[in-house]
Amino acid sequence: MQKKIATGKIYLGGSFNREIDHERVERVKEIMAKNPTIAKVHFPFDYDFVDPEEKNPEIGGQRSMTWRVGTFQNDLNGINSATCGVFLYDMDVLDDGCAFEIGFMRANHKPVVLVPFTEHPERPKKMNLMIAQGVTAIIDGNTELEKLAEYDFNWTPYIPVTGYGIY
């Protein structure tokens, strides 16, 4: 067996609006830190753009154009410098930003590992066709999360989406 070398540069995408999102990100970072094929993990919220002229940005929900452009460009830079994307995809609260980033990565011929989560595993699973066919691999966030420690991010083997109703 060949020795695994850390060459994978991962863009870790996902929602970051709720406490559960923060917990998932921290857990996934810990798991991926064990993976011998990962050299670096870029999580965009670790590199948050700050507009020095923006006063109290958390009040009112409106962000400055400078912040919006800076944040968008930083995210695209993170994606462009990555060799693979890992997306923590909340199936209960879909995130348009994640869908865009997945599509952007695939348009740039970069593999994407989808890690879907749900707070309602008893419900029938369904997924949009463009996400299901657009990803390189799927690792279930509720039952298979530890597989991120062993997945080969140098080779990024195909794992098809199965068990979902596709719409």
Foldseek 3Di string as FASTA:
>chain_A
DDDAAADFEEEEAEDDDDPVRVVLVVVLVVLLVLARNHDYYDYLVVVQDDDPPDDPCVPPVDDDPVNVVVSVVSSVVSLVVGQEYEYAAEQVDGDPVSVVSLVVNVVVVHAYEYAYDYPCPVDQAADEPCVQVSHQYYAHNVPGSSCSNYQNSVVSHGHHDPRHHYD
